[in-house]
C-alpha atoms as a PDB file:
ATOM      1  CA  MET A   1     -11.385   7.989  30.422  1.00  0.00           C
ATOM      2  CA  LYS A   2      -9.156  11.078  30.366  1.00  0.00           C
ATOM      3  CA  ALA A   3      -9.666  13.707  27.678  1.00  0.00           C
ATOM      4  CA  LEU A   4      -8.772  17.289  26.794  1.00  0.00           C
ATOM      5  CA  ILE A   5     -12.130  19.047  26.892  1.00  0.00           C
ATOM      6  CA  HIS A   6     -13.332  22.483  25.907  1.00  0.00           C
ATOM      7  CA  VAL A   7     -15.893  23.499  28.523  1.00  0.00           C
ATOM      8  CA  ASN A   8     -17.148  26.897  29.680  1.00  0.00           C
ATOM      9  CA  GLY A   9     -14.670  28.615  27.386  1.00  0.00           C
ATOM     10  CA  ASN A  10     -11.655  26.813  28.845  1.00  0.00           C
ATOM     11  CA  LEU A  11      -9.494  23.818  28.051  1.00  0.00           C
ATOM     12  CA  LYS A  12      -9.277  21.221  30.804  1.00  0.00           C
ATOM     13  CA  ILE A  13      -7.997  17.693  31.201  1.00  0.00           C
ATOM     14  CA  GLU A  14     -10.932  15.875  32.759  1.00  0.00           C
ATOM     15  CA  SER A  15     -12.691  12.536  32.958  1.00  0.00           C
ATOM     16  CA  ALA A  16     -15.219  11.853  30.202  1.00  0.00           C
ATOM     17  CA  ASN A  17     -17.687   9.082  29.565  1.00  0.00           C
ATOM     18  CA  GLU A  18     -16.303   6.216  27.516  1.00  0.00           C
ATOM     19  CA  PRO A  19     -17.837   6.101  24.022  1.00  0.00           C
ATOM     20  CA  ILE A  20     -20.020   3.253  22.819  1.00  0.00           C
ATOM     21  CA  ALA A  21     -19.944   2.073  19.214  1.00  0.00           C
ATOM     22  CA  LYS A  22     -23.201   2.528  17.320  1.00  0.00           C
ATOM     23  CA  SER A  23     -24.031   0.713  14.106  1.00  0.00           C
ATOM     24  CA  ASP A  24     -21.280   1.220  11.482  1.00  0.00           C
ATOM     25  CA  GLU A  25     -18.899   2.565  14.136  1.00  0.00           C
ATOM     26  CA  VAL A  26     -15.797   1.280  15.898  1.00  0.00           C
ATOM     27  CA  ILE A  27     -14.076   2.229  19.121  1.00  0.00           C
ATOM     28  CA  VAL A  28     -10.430   3.181  18.639  1.00  0.00           C
ATOM     29  CA  ALA A  29      -8.085   3.281  21.620  1.00  0.00           C
ATOM     30  CA  ILE A  30      -6.043   6.391  20.804  1.00  0.00           C
ATOM     31  CA  HIS A  31      -2.288   5.958  21.294  1.00  0.00           C
ATOM     32  CA  ALA A  32      -1.248   9.367  19.992  1.00  0.00           C
ATOM     33  CA  ALA A  33      -2.884  12.506  18.606  1.00  0.00           C
ATOM     34  CA  GLY A  34      -1.473  15.355  16.525  1.00  0.00           C
ATOM     35  CA  LEU A  35      -1.980  19.043  17.216  1.00  0.00           C
ATOM     36  CA  ASN A  36      -3.023  21.410  14.446  1.00  0.00           C
ATOM     37  CA  ARG A  37      -3.515  25.176  14.346  1.00  0.00           C
ATOM     38  CA  ARG A  38      -7.209  24.465  13.910  1.00  0.00           C
ATOM     39  CA  ASP A  39      -7.264  23.272  17.526  1.00  0.00           C
ATOM     40  CA  LEU A  40      -6.340  26.803  18.615  1.00  0.00           C
ATOM     41  CA  MET A  41      -9.182  28.321  16.645  1.00  0.00           C
ATOM     42  CA  VAL A  42     -12.034  26.057  17.716  1.00  0.00           C
ATOM     43  CA  PRO A  43     -12.525  27.671  21.136  1.00  0.00           C
ATOM     44  CA  THR A  44     -12.371  31.229  19.763  1.00  0.00           C
ATOM     45  CA  ARG A  45     -14.015  31.226  16.337  1.00  0.00           C
ATOM     46  CA  ARG A  46     -17.202  29.215  16.725  1.00  0.00           C
ATOM     47  CA  GLY A  47     -20.059  30.392  18.908  1.00  0.00           C
ATOM     48  CA  ASP A  48     -22.174  27.293  18.246  1.00  0.00           C
ATOM     49  CA  VAL A  49     -19.804  24.720  19.776  1.00  0.00           C
ATOM     50  CA  LYS A  50     -21.749  22.331  21.968  1.00  0.00           C
ATOM     51  CA  GLU A  51     -19.932  21.866  25.252  1.00  0.00           C
ATOM     52  CA  PRO A  52     -18.320  19.872  26.652  1.00  0.00           C
ATOM     53  CA  LEU A  53     -16.361  19.145  23.473  1.00  0.00           C
ATOM     54  CA  ILE A  54     -13.299  16.922  23.090  1.00  0.00           C
ATOM     55  CA  LEU A  55     -10.917  18.638  20.668  1.00  0.00           C
ATOM     56  CA  GLY A  56      -8.497  16.988  18.242  1.00  0.00           C
ATOM     57  CA  SER A  57      -8.610  16.027  14.568  1.00  0.00           C
ATOM     58  CA  ASP A  58      -5.603  13.736  14.050  1.00  0.00           C
ATOM     59  CA  GLY A  59      -4.984  10.439  15.782  1.00  0.00           C
ATOM     60  CA  ALA A  60      -3.679   6.887  15.541  1.00  0.00           C
ATOM     61  CA  GLY A  61      -4.475   3.857  17.609  1.00  0.00           C
ATOM     62  CA  VAL A  62      -5.870   0.341  17.791  1.00  0.00           C
ATOM     63  CA  ILE A  63      -9.430  -0.867  17.193  1.00  0.00           C
ATOM     64  CA  GLU A  64     -10.816  -1.964  20.540  1.00  0.00           C
ATOM     65  CA  SER A  65     -14.406  -2.914  19.664  1.00  0.00           C
ATOM     66  CA  ILE A  66     -16.641  -3.022  16.607  1.00  0.00           C
ATOM     67  CA  GLY A  67     -20.294  -2.085  16.194  1.00  0.00           C
ATOM     68  CA  GLU A  68     -22.904  -3.760  14.000  1.00  0.00           C
ATOM     69  CA  ASN A  69     -22.599  -3.757  10.185  1.00  0.00           C
ATOM     70  CA  VAL A  70     -18.861  -3.026  10.194  1.00  0.00           C
ATOM     71  CA  GLU A  71     -16.892  -5.018   7.651  1.00  0.00           C
ATOM     72  CA  GLY A  72     -13.224  -5.071   6.701  1.00  0.00           C
ATOM     73  CA  TRP A  73     -11.867  -4.245  10.146  1.00  0.00           C
ATOM     74  CA  SER A  74     -10.901  -6.420  13.111  1.00  0.00           C
ATOM     75  CA  ILE A  75     -10.218  -5.846  16.784  1.00  0.00           C
ATOM     76  CA  GLY A  76      -6.483  -5.146  17.159  1.00  0.00           C
ATOM     77  CA  ASP A  77      -6.039  -3.448  13.766  1.00  0.00           C
ATOM     78  CA  GLU A  78      -3.697  -0.448  13.863  1.00  0.00           C
ATOM     79  CA  VAL A  79      -5.366   2.536  12.223  1.00  0.00           C
ATOM     80  CA  ILE A  80      -5.173   6.240  11.587  1.00  0.00           C
ATOM     81  CA  ILE A  81      -8.185   8.527  11.843  1.00  0.00           C
ATOM     82  CA  ASN A  82      -9.284  10.390   8.720  1.00  0.00           C
ATOM     83  CA  PRO A  83     -10.541  13.742  10.075  1.00  0.00           C
ATOM     84  CA  SER A  84     -12.144  14.724   6.755  1.00  0.00           C
ATOM     85  CA  LEU A  85     -15.717  13.734   7.532  1.00  0.00           C
ATOM     86  CA  ARG A  86     -17.996  12.600   4.688  1.00  0.00           C
ATOM     87  CA  TRP A  87     -15.755  13.806   1.846  1.00  0.00           C
ATOM     88  CA  PHE A  88     -14.904  10.631  -0.005  1.00  0.00           C
ATOM     89  CA  ASP A  89     -14.250  11.433  -3.680  1.00  0.00           C
ATOM     90  CA  LYS A  90     -11.830  13.987  -5.091  1.00  0.00           C
ATOM     91  CA  SER A  91     -13.751  17.079  -6.176  1.00  0.00           C
ATOM     92  CA  ALA A  92     -13.353  20.805  -6.799  1.00  0.00           C
ATOM     93  CA  PHE A  93     -14.865  21.577  -3.379  1.00  0.00           C
ATOM     94  CA  PRO A  94     -16.147  19.538  -0.422  1.00  0.00           C
ATOM     95  CA  PRO A  95     -19.753  18.303  -0.154  1.00  0.00           C
ATOM     96  CA  LYS A  96     -22.321  20.248   1.855  1.00  0.00           C
ATOM     97  CA  ASP A  97     -22.230  17.831   4.798  1.00  0.00           C
ATOM     98  CA  PHE A  98     -18.431  17.970   5.075  1.00  0.00           C
ATOM     99  CA  ASP A  99     -16.979  18.641   8.511  1.00  0.00           C
ATOM    100  CA  ILE A 100     -13.642  18.224  10.235  1.00  0.00           C
ATOM    101  CA  LEU A 101     -13.351  15.956  13.253  1.00  0.00           C
ATOM    102  CA  GLY A 102     -12.989  17.755  16.564  1.00  0.00           C
ATOM    103  CA  MET A 103     -15.807  20.223  15.948  1.00  0.00           C
ATOM    104  CA  PRO A 104     -18.740  19.752  16.146  1.00  0.00           C
ATOM    105  CA  ASP A 105     -18.021  16.056  16.820  1.00  0.00           C
ATOM    106  CA  ASN A 106     -15.805  14.886  19.681  1.00  0.00           C
ATOM    107  CA  GLY A 107     -12.231  14.435  18.531  1.00  0.00           C
ATOM    108  CA  THR A 108      -9.015  12.581  19.223  1.00  0.00           C
ATOM    109  CA  PHE A 109      -7.628  14.207  22.385  1.00  0.00           C
ATOM    110  CA  ALA A 110      -8.976  11.358  24.494  1.00  0.00           C
ATOM    111  CA  GLU A 111      -8.129   7.803  25.413  1.00  0.00           C
ATOM    112  CA  LYS A 112     -10.892   6.465  23.135  1.00  0.00           C
ATOM    113  CA  ILE A 113     -13.085   7.623  20.279  1.00  0.00           C
ATOM    114  CA  ALA A 114     -16.213   6.239  18.608  1.00  0.00           C
ATOM    115  CA  ILE A 115     -16.026   6.877  14.886  1.00  0.00           C
ATOM    116  CA  SER A 116     -17.517   5.644  11.628  1.00  0.00           C
ATOM    117  CA  ALA A 117     -15.528   2.787  10.133  1.00  0.00           C
ATOM    118  CA  GLU A 118     -15.517   4.816   6.891  1.00  0.00           C
ATOM    119  CA  GLN A 119     -13.151   7.277   8.578  1.00  0.00           C
ATOM    120  CA  LEU A 120     -10.365   4.749   9.204  1.00  0.00           C
ATOM    121  CA  GLU A 121      -7.273   3.918   7.190  1.00  0.00           C
ATOM    122  CA  LYS A 122      -4.613   1.306   7.853  1.00  0.00           C
ATOM    123  CA  LYS A 123      -1.599   2.708   9.677  1.00  0.00           C
ATOM    124  CA  PRO A 124       1.510   2.694   7.436  1.00  0.00           C
ATOM    125  CA  SER A 125       3.715  -0.068   8.813  1.00  0.00           C
ATOM    126  CA  HIS A 126       6.934   1.978   8.725  1.00  0.00           C
ATOM    127  CA  LEU A 127       5.514   4.651  11.039  1.00  0.00           C
ATOM    128  CA  SER A 128       5.293   4.670  14.811  1.00  0.00           C
ATOM    129  CA  MET A 129       1.994   5.578  16.439  1.00  0.00           C
ATOM    130  CA  GLU A 130       3.298   9.089  17.125  1.00  0.00           C
ATOM    131  CA  GLU A 131       4.353   9.526  13.496  1.00  0.00           C
ATOM    132  CA  ALA A 132       1.109   8.084  12.145  1.00  0.00           C
ATOM    133  CA  ALA A 133      -0.895  10.392  14.397  1.00  0.00           C
ATOM    134  CA  VAL A 134       0.237  13.534  12.564  1.00  0.00           C
ATOM    135  CA  ILE A 135      -0.139  12.697   8.884  1.00  0.00           C
ATOM    136  CA  ALA A 136      -3.849  12.888   8.115  1.00  0.00           C
ATOM    137  CA  LEU A 137      -4.808  16.541   8.414  1.00  0.00           C
ATOM    138  CA  SER A 138      -1.620  18.449   7.596  1.00  0.00           C
ATOM    139  CA  ALA A 139      -0.123  16.037   5.060  1.00  0.00           C
ATOM    140  CA  LEU A 140      -3.471  15.774   3.270  1.00  0.00           C
ATOM    141  CA  THR A 141      -3.787  19.572   3.268  1.00  0.00           C
ATOM    142  CA  GLY A 142      -0.333  19.854   1.708  1.00  0.00           C
ATOM    143  CA  TYR A 143      -0.958  17.066  -0.790  1.00  0.00           C
ATOM    144  CA  ARG A 144      -4.164  18.608  -2.146  1.00  0.00           C
ATOM    145  CA  ALA A 145      -2.660  22.104  -2.312  1.00  0.00           C
ATOM    146  CA  LEU A 146       0.451  20.886  -4.112  1.00  0.00           C
ATOM    147  CA  PHE A 147      -0.935  18.297  -6.526  1.00  0.00           C
ATOM    148  CA  THR A 148      -4.711  18.640  -6.923  1.00  0.00           C
ATOM    149  CA  GLN A 149      -4.886  22.437  -6.905  1.00  0.00           C
ATOM    150  CA  GLY A 150      -1.282  23.339  -7.686  1.00  0.00           C
ATOM    151  CA  GLU A 151      -0.773  20.594 -10.312  1.00  0.00           C
ATOM    152  CA  LEU A 152       2.931  20.473  -9.470  1.00  0.00           C
ATOM    153  CA  LYS A 153       5.033  18.583 -11.969  1.00  0.00           C
ATOM    154  CA  LYS A 154       8.655  17.533 -12.356  1.00  0.00           C
ATOM    155  CA  GLY A 155      10.935  20.482 -13.087  1.00  0.00           C
ATOM    156  CA  ASP A 156       8.646  23.102 -11.543  1.00  0.00           C
ATOM    157  CA  THR A 157       9.864  25.542  -8.907  1.00  0.00           C
ATOM    158  CA  VAL A 158       7.642  25.943  -5.861  1.00  0.00           C
ATOM    159  CA  PHE A 159       7.938  28.620  -3.189  1.00  0.00           C
ATOM    160  CA  ILE A 160       6.667  27.900   0.354  1.00  0.00           C
ATOM    161  CA  PRO A 161       6.601  30.857   2.779  1.00  0.00           C
ATOM    162  CA  GLY A 162       6.677  29.742   6.414  1.00  0.00           C
ATOM    163  CA  ALA A 163       9.006  26.735   6.478  1.00  0.00           C
ATOM    164  CA  GLY A 164       8.393  25.626  10.057  1.00  0.00           C
ATOM    165  CA  SER A 165       4.776  24.549   9.906  1.00  0.00           C
ATOM    166  CA  GLY A 166       3.761  20.915   9.875  1.00  0.00           C
ATOM    167  CA  VAL A 167       2.205  21.277   6.426  1.00  0.00           C
ATOM    168  CA  ALA A 168       5.371  22.923   5.083  1.00  0.00           C
ATOM    169  CA  THR A 169       7.546  19.986   6.171  1.00  0.00           C
ATOM    170  CA  TYR A 170       5.331  17.672   4.107  1.00  0.00           C
ATOM    171  CA  LEU A 171       5.249  20.086   1.168  1.00  0.00           C
ATOM    172  CA  ILE A 172       9.042  20.112   1.018  1.00  0.00           C
ATOM    173  CA  GLN A 173       9.247  16.322   0.963  1.00  0.00           C
ATOM    174  CA  PHE A 174       6.360  15.800  -1.475  1.00  0.00           C
ATOM    175  CA  ALA A 175       7.737  18.381  -3.902  1.00  0.00           C
ATOM    176  CA  LYS A 176      11.295  17.028  -3.823  1.00  0.00           C
ATOM    177  CA  ASN A 177      10.035  13.478  -4.382  1.00  0.00           C
ATOM    178  CA  SER A 178       8.247  14.791  -7.466  1.00  0.00           C
ATOM    179  CA  GLY A 179      11.382  16.325  -8.963  1.00  0.00           C
ATOM    180  CA  ALA A 180      10.577  19.976  -8.195  1.00  0.00           C
ATOM    181  CA  ARG A 181      12.885  22.751  -7.045  1.00  0.00           C
ATOM    182  CA  VAL A 182      11.860  23.932  -3.576  1.00  0.00           C
ATOM    183  CA  ILE A 183      12.318  27.402  -2.075  1.00  0.00           C
ATOM    184  CA  VAL A 184      11.167  28.233   1.457  1.00  0.00           C
ATOM    185  CA  SER A 185      11.235  31.180   3.808  1.00  0.00           C
ATOM    186  CA  SER A 186      11.427  31.523   7.582  1.00  0.00           C
ATOM    187  CA  ARG A 187      12.289  34.253  10.066  1.00  0.00           C
ATOM    188  CA  ALA A 188      14.356  31.776  12.125  1.00  0.00           C
ATOM    189  CA  ILE A 189      17.848  30.746  11.029  1.00  0.00           C
ATOM    190  CA  GLU A 190      17.488  27.325  12.641  1.00  0.00           C
ATOM    191  CA  LYS A 191      14.232  26.641  10.789  1.00  0.00           C
ATOM    192  CA  ARG A 192      15.815  27.624   7.488  1.00  0.00           C
ATOM    193  CA  GLN A 193      18.675  25.229   8.190  1.00  0.00           C
ATOM    194  CA  LYS A 194      16.294  22.407   9.082  1.00  0.00           C
ATOM    195  CA  ALA A 195      14.326  23.031   5.892  1.00  0.00           C
ATOM    196  CA  LEU A 196      17.536  22.697   3.862  1.00  0.00           C
ATOM    197  CA  GLU A 197      18.366  19.473   5.680  1.00  0.00           C
ATOM    198  CA  LEU A 198      14.884  18.205   4.846  1.00  0.00           C
ATOM    199  CA  GLY A 199      15.502  18.795   1.141  1.00  0.00           C
ATOM    200  CA  ALA A 200      14.739  22.418   0.312  1.00  0.00           C
ATOM    201  CA  ASP A 201      17.048  23.868  -2.340  1.00  0.00           C
ATOM    202  CA  VAL A 202      16.919  27.474  -1.113  1.00  0.00           C
ATOM    203  CA  ALA A 203      15.887  28.961   2.247  1.00  0.00           C
ATOM    204  CA  ILE A 204      15.537  32.724   2.596  1.00  0.00           C
ATOM    205  CA  ASP A 205      14.730  35.095   5.430  1.00  0.00           C
ATOM    206  CA  THR A 206      11.032  35.972   5.594  1.00  0.00           C
ATOM    207  CA  LYS A 207      12.049  39.512   6.596  1.00  0.00           C
ATOM    208  CA  GLY A 208      14.436  39.898   3.649  1.00  0.00           C
ATOM    209  CA  ASN A 209      13.959  41.394   0.187  1.00  0.00           C
ATOM    210  CA  TRP A 210      12.418  38.511  -1.711  1.00  0.00           C
ATOM    211  CA  GLN A 211      12.503  40.157  -5.117  1.00  0.00           C
ATOM    212  CA  ASP A 212      16.258  40.684  -4.851  1.00  0.00           C
ATOM    213  CA  GLU A 213      17.015  37.281  -3.337  1.00  0.00           C
ATOM    214  CA  LEU A 214      14.849  35.403  -5.841  1.00  0.00           C
ATOM    215  CA  ALA A 215      15.625  37.542  -8.892  1.00  0.00           C
ATOM    216  CA  ASP A 216      17.234  34.612 -10.704  1.00  0.00           C
ATOM    217  CA  GLU A 217      14.437  32.156  -9.899  1.00  0.00           C
ATOM    218  CA  GLU A 218      11.417  31.378 -12.083  1.00  0.00           C
ATOM    219  CA  ILE A 219       8.722  30.393  -9.610  1.00  0.00           C
ATOM    220  CA  ASP A 220       5.869  28.392 -11.115  1.00  0.00           C
ATOM    221  CA  LEU A 221       3.838  27.852  -7.951  1.00  0.00           C
ATOM    222  CA  VAL A 222       3.462  29.465  -4.529  1.00  0.00           C
ATOM    223  CA  ILE A 223       1.778  27.604  -1.666  1.00  0.00           C
ATOM    224  CA  GLU A 224       0.530  30.323   0.701  1.00  0.00           C
ATOM    225  CA  SER A 225      -0.701  29.856   4.260  1.00  0.00           C
ATOM    226  CA  VAL A 226       0.627  32.941   6.068  1.00  0.00           C
ATOM    227  CA  GLY A 227      -1.924  35.497   4.901  1.00  0.00           C
ATOM    228  CA  ARG A 228      -1.658  39.267   4.772  1.00  0.00           C
ATOM    229  CA  ALA A 229       1.978  39.379   5.936  1.00  0.00           C
ATOM    230  CA  THR A 230       3.267  37.549   2.848  1.00  0.00           C
ATOM    231  CA  PHE A 231       0.529  37.252   0.214  1.00  0.00           C
ATOM    232  CA  ASN A 232       1.440  40.220  -1.975  1.00  0.00           C
ATOM    233  CA  ARG A 233       5.149  39.577  -1.503  1.00  0.00           C
ATOM    234  CA  SER A 234       4.561  36.044  -2.755  1.00  0.00           C
ATOM    235  CA  LEU A 235       2.710  37.388  -5.754  1.00  0.00           C
ATOM    236  CA  ASP A 236       5.632  39.712  -6.493  1.00  0.00           C
ATOM    237  CA  VAL A 237       8.031  36.780  -6.976  1.00  0.00           C
ATOM    238  CA  LEU A 238       5.639  34.530  -8.907  1.00  0.00           C
ATOM    239  CA  LYS A 239       6.362  34.299 -12.620  1.00  0.00           C
ATOM    240  CA  PRO A 240       3.793  35.737 -15.069  1.00  0.00           C
ATOM    241  CA  GLY A 241       1.131  33.108 -15.627  1.00  0.00           C
ATOM    242  CA  GLY A 242       2.098  31.342 -12.404  1.00  0.00           C
ATOM    243  CA  LYS A 243      -0.207  29.859  -9.822  1.00  0.00           C
ATOM    244  CA  ILE A 244      -0.751  30.674  -6.152  1.00  0.00           C
ATOM    245  CA  VAL A 245      -2.624  28.236  -3.897  1.00  0.00           C
ATOM    246  CA  VAL A 246      -3.891  29.420  -0.502  1.00  0.00           C
ATOM    247  CA  PHE A 247      -4.878  26.993   2.251  1.00  0.00           C
ATOM    248  CA  GLY A 248      -4.587  29.133   5.375  1.00  0.00           C
ATOM    249  CA  ALA A 249      -3.895  32.498   6.955  1.00  0.00           C
ATOM    250  CA  THR A 250      -1.877  32.431  10.163  1.00  0.00           C
ATOM    251  CA  THR A 251      -1.691  36.235  10.032  1.00  0.00           C
ATOM    252  CA  GLU A 252      -4.602  38.499   9.071  1.00  0.00           C
ATOM    253  CA  ASP A 253      -7.194  37.015   6.702  1.00  0.00           C
ATOM    254  CA  VAL A 254      -7.912  40.119   4.622  1.00  0.00           C
ATOM    255  CA  VAL A 255      -5.454  41.268   1.937  1.00  0.00           C
ATOM    256  CA  GLU A 256      -5.430  44.136  -0.570  1.00  0.00           C
ATOM    257  CA  LEU A 257      -4.985  43.054  -4.173  1.00  0.00           C
ATOM    258  CA  ASP A 258      -3.894  45.204  -7.117  1.00  0.00           C
ATOM    259  CA  LEU A 259      -6.303  43.797  -9.715  1.00  0.00           C
ATOM    260  CA  ARG A 260      -4.629  45.470 -12.685  1.00  0.00           C
ATOM    261  CA  LYS A 261      -1.280  44.003 -11.708  1.00  0.00           C
ATOM    262  CA  PHE A 262      -2.969  40.651 -11.186  1.00  0.00           C
ATOM    263  CA  PHE A 263      -4.719  40.430 -14.533  1.00  0.00           C
ATOM    264  CA  TYR A 264      -1.748  41.838 -16.475  1.00  0.00           C
ATOM    265  CA  GLY A 265       0.354  39.100 -14.885  1.00  0.00           C
ATOM    266  CA  GLN A 266      -2.180  36.451 -15.938  1.00  0.00           C
ATOM    267  CA  TYR A 267      -1.868  34.896 -12.479  1.00  0.00           C
ATOM    268  CA  LYS A 268      -4.004  32.015 -11.261  1.00  0.00           C
ATOM    269  CA  LEU A 269      -5.343  32.000  -7.697  1.00  0.00           C
ATOM    270  CA  PHE A 270      -6.805  28.906  -6.047  1.00  0.00           C
ATOM    271  CA  GLY A 271      -8.185  28.191  -2.615  1.00  0.00           C
ATOM    272  CA  SER A 272      -7.637  24.803  -1.006  1.00  0.00           C
ATOM    273  CA  THR A 273      -8.699  22.863   2.063  1.00  0.00           C
ATOM    274  CA  MET A 274      -7.832  19.566   3.673  1.00  0.00           C
ATOM    275  CA  GLY A 275      -9.069  17.106   1.032  1.00  0.00           C
ATOM    276  CA  SER A 276     -11.031  13.939   0.341  1.00  0.00           C
ATOM    277  CA  ARG A 277     -10.551  10.318   1.311  1.00  0.00           C
ATOM    278  CA  GLU A 278      -9.448   9.614  -2.266  1.00  0.00           C
ATOM    279  CA  GLU A 279      -6.660  12.174  -1.916  1.00  0.00           C
ATOM    280  CA  LEU A 280      -5.789  10.864   1.550  1.00  0.00           C
ATOM    281  CA  ARG A 281      -5.272   7.400   0.087  1.00  0.00           C
ATOM    282  CA  GLU A 282      -3.144   8.841  -2.728  1.00  0.00           C
ATOM    283  CA  MET A 283      -1.090  10.699  -0.127  1.00  0.00           C
ATOM    284  CA  LEU A 284      -0.637   7.575   2.007  1.00  0.00           C
ATOM    285  CA  GLY A 285       0.565   5.744  -1.104  1.00  0.00           C
ATOM    286  CA  HIS A 286       3.121   8.512  -1.714  1.00  0.00           C
ATOM    287  CA  ILE A 287       4.293   8.337   1.898  1.00  0.00           C
ATOM    288  CA  GLU A 288       4.735   4.568   1.720  1.00  0.00           C
ATOM    289  CA  LEU A 289       6.379   4.624  -1.725  1.00  0.00           C
ATOM    290  CA  TYR A 290       9.050   7.107  -0.607  1.00  0.00           C
ATOM    291  CA  GLY A 291       9.263   5.987   3.018  1.00  0.00           C
ATOM    292  CA  ILE A 292       8.416   9.487   4.240  1.00  0.00           C
ATOM    293  CA  LYS A 293       8.492  10.065   7.981  1.00  0.00           C
ATOM    294  CA  PRO A 294       6.822  13.092   9.520  1.00  0.00           C
ATOM    295  CA  VAL A 295       8.970  15.731  11.157  1.00  0.00           C
ATOM    296  CA  ILE A 296       8.051  15.704  14.851  1.00  0.00           C
ATOM    297  CA  ASP A 297       9.301  18.564  16.983  1.00  0.00           C
ATOM    298  CA  LYS A 298       8.155  17.262  20.380  1.00  0.00           C
ATOM    299  CA  VAL A 299       5.924  14.668  22.013  1.00  0.00           C
ATOM    300  CA  TYR A 300       3.951  15.702  25.106  1.00  0.00           C
ATOM    301  CA  PRO A 301       2.024  13.449  27.489  1.00  0.00           C
ATOM    302  CA  LEU A 302      -1.691  14.210  27.613  1.00  0.00           C
ATOM    303  CA  SER A 303      -1.155  15.688  31.073  1.00  0.00           C
ATOM    304  CA  GLU A 304       0.957  18.464  29.450  1.00  0.00           C
ATOM    305  CA  ALA A 305      -1.516  19.246  26.685  1.00  0.00           C
ATOM    306  CA  LEU A 306      -1.942  22.890  27.731  1.00  0.00           C
ATOM    307  CA  THR A 307       1.827  23.390  27.486  1.00  0.00           C
ATOM    308  CA  ALA A 308       1.721  21.895  23.989  1.00  0.00           C
ATOM    309  CA  PHE A 309      -1.038  24.329  23.032  1.00  0.00           C
ATOM    310  CA  GLU A 310       1.112  27.260  24.149  1.00  0.00           C
ATOM    311  CA  ALA A 311       4.033  26.021  22.052  1.00  0.00           C
ATOM    312  CA  LEU A 312       1.743  25.706  19.037  1.00  0.00           C
ATOM    313  CA  LYS A 313       0.268  29.152  19.624  1.00  0.00           C
ATOM    314  CA  ASN A 314       3.753  30.695  19.729  1.00  0.00           C
ATOM    315  CA  SER A 315       4.894  28.836  16.577  1.00  0.00           C
ATOM    316  CA  GLU A 316       7.924  27.517  18.441  1.00  0.00           C
ATOM    317  CA  GLN A 317       8.030  24.198  16.618  1.00  0.00           C
ATOM    318  CA  PHE A 318       9.573  22.943  13.391  1.00  0.00           C
ATOM    319  CA  GLY A 319       7.204  20.242  12.237  1.00  0.00           C
ATOM    320  CA  LYS A 320       4.499  18.601  14.302  1.00  0.00           C
ATOM    321  CA  LEU A 321       3.585  18.482  17.983  1.00  0.00           C
ATOM    322  CA  VAL A 322       2.143  15.265  19.368  1.00  0.00           C
ATOM    323  CA  LEU A 323       0.112  14.271  22.407  1.00  0.00           C
ATOM    324  CA  GLN A 324       0.977  10.803  23.664  1.00  0.00           C
ATOM    325  CA  ILE A 325      -2.269   9.324  24.963  1.00  0.00           C
ATOM    326  CA  LYS A 326      -1.190   5.756  25.662  1.00  0.00           C
ATOM    327  CA  ARG A 327       2.339   4.588  26.429  1.00  0.00           C
END
């Protein structure tokens, strides 16, 4: 089978051995796989990656074969892959044996994958394979940040710096469905316009003066994923007693924090990660209830995977990038 493989420090599209289902596993023929910023970091941030490694965390496809002791699934079922390995129940933090698919285990950028049947969910019927392939990691990340950690409620105002990311497009839709007011920022005019079309109430320039532009807003919650470039600016526009939830850092990881300003403001700071299977199922229910469709910027054939990686690296997209594995 063909796969996108990390080997000898490089990404290559090569032939790989077809997987065989062990006990409690199934073989899924992958139709489409979603790219995430995590895929950029795997080759550069982990020195203990066992090569060759098939990257990829998100995917959707059809069950092709079933191993022993698997119940509840049949050959031909359309499924999505849950990349949150061994985190089943909602909790304050993941269990010790939690991992994310695609490192250290082989991931979804291949024609087939062997995976535990516990990591499968039924594909929402209103979504295409390409749409279903991009909801697990980023939508779950947004869902946990917004509702589990952020405790967003109707009437709240939420601010989301960085409107073009895949997670941000879900955050906008989830928050609007919940009756919140949504403010976003982006450096690109076209991304700000697309965010407004998606449902955001206000879209401001990331390079602008946020305190002036948002002077009349009372922001209850900030969902931060940019890092050093925006963290303190986000804190400056958060109302006293407000909450900031951080799930990523696309710029520098380390920030300086004025502790006196922080404790006088009575702010609340929470970290967040992808989430549990329980939260994934809640999120899928929300998606089906409101008929949400992911925002897909572009679909690439597997043969153009390296081009897709460059687009992701340069943050060219609004929404998600997809690899089409099977036509």
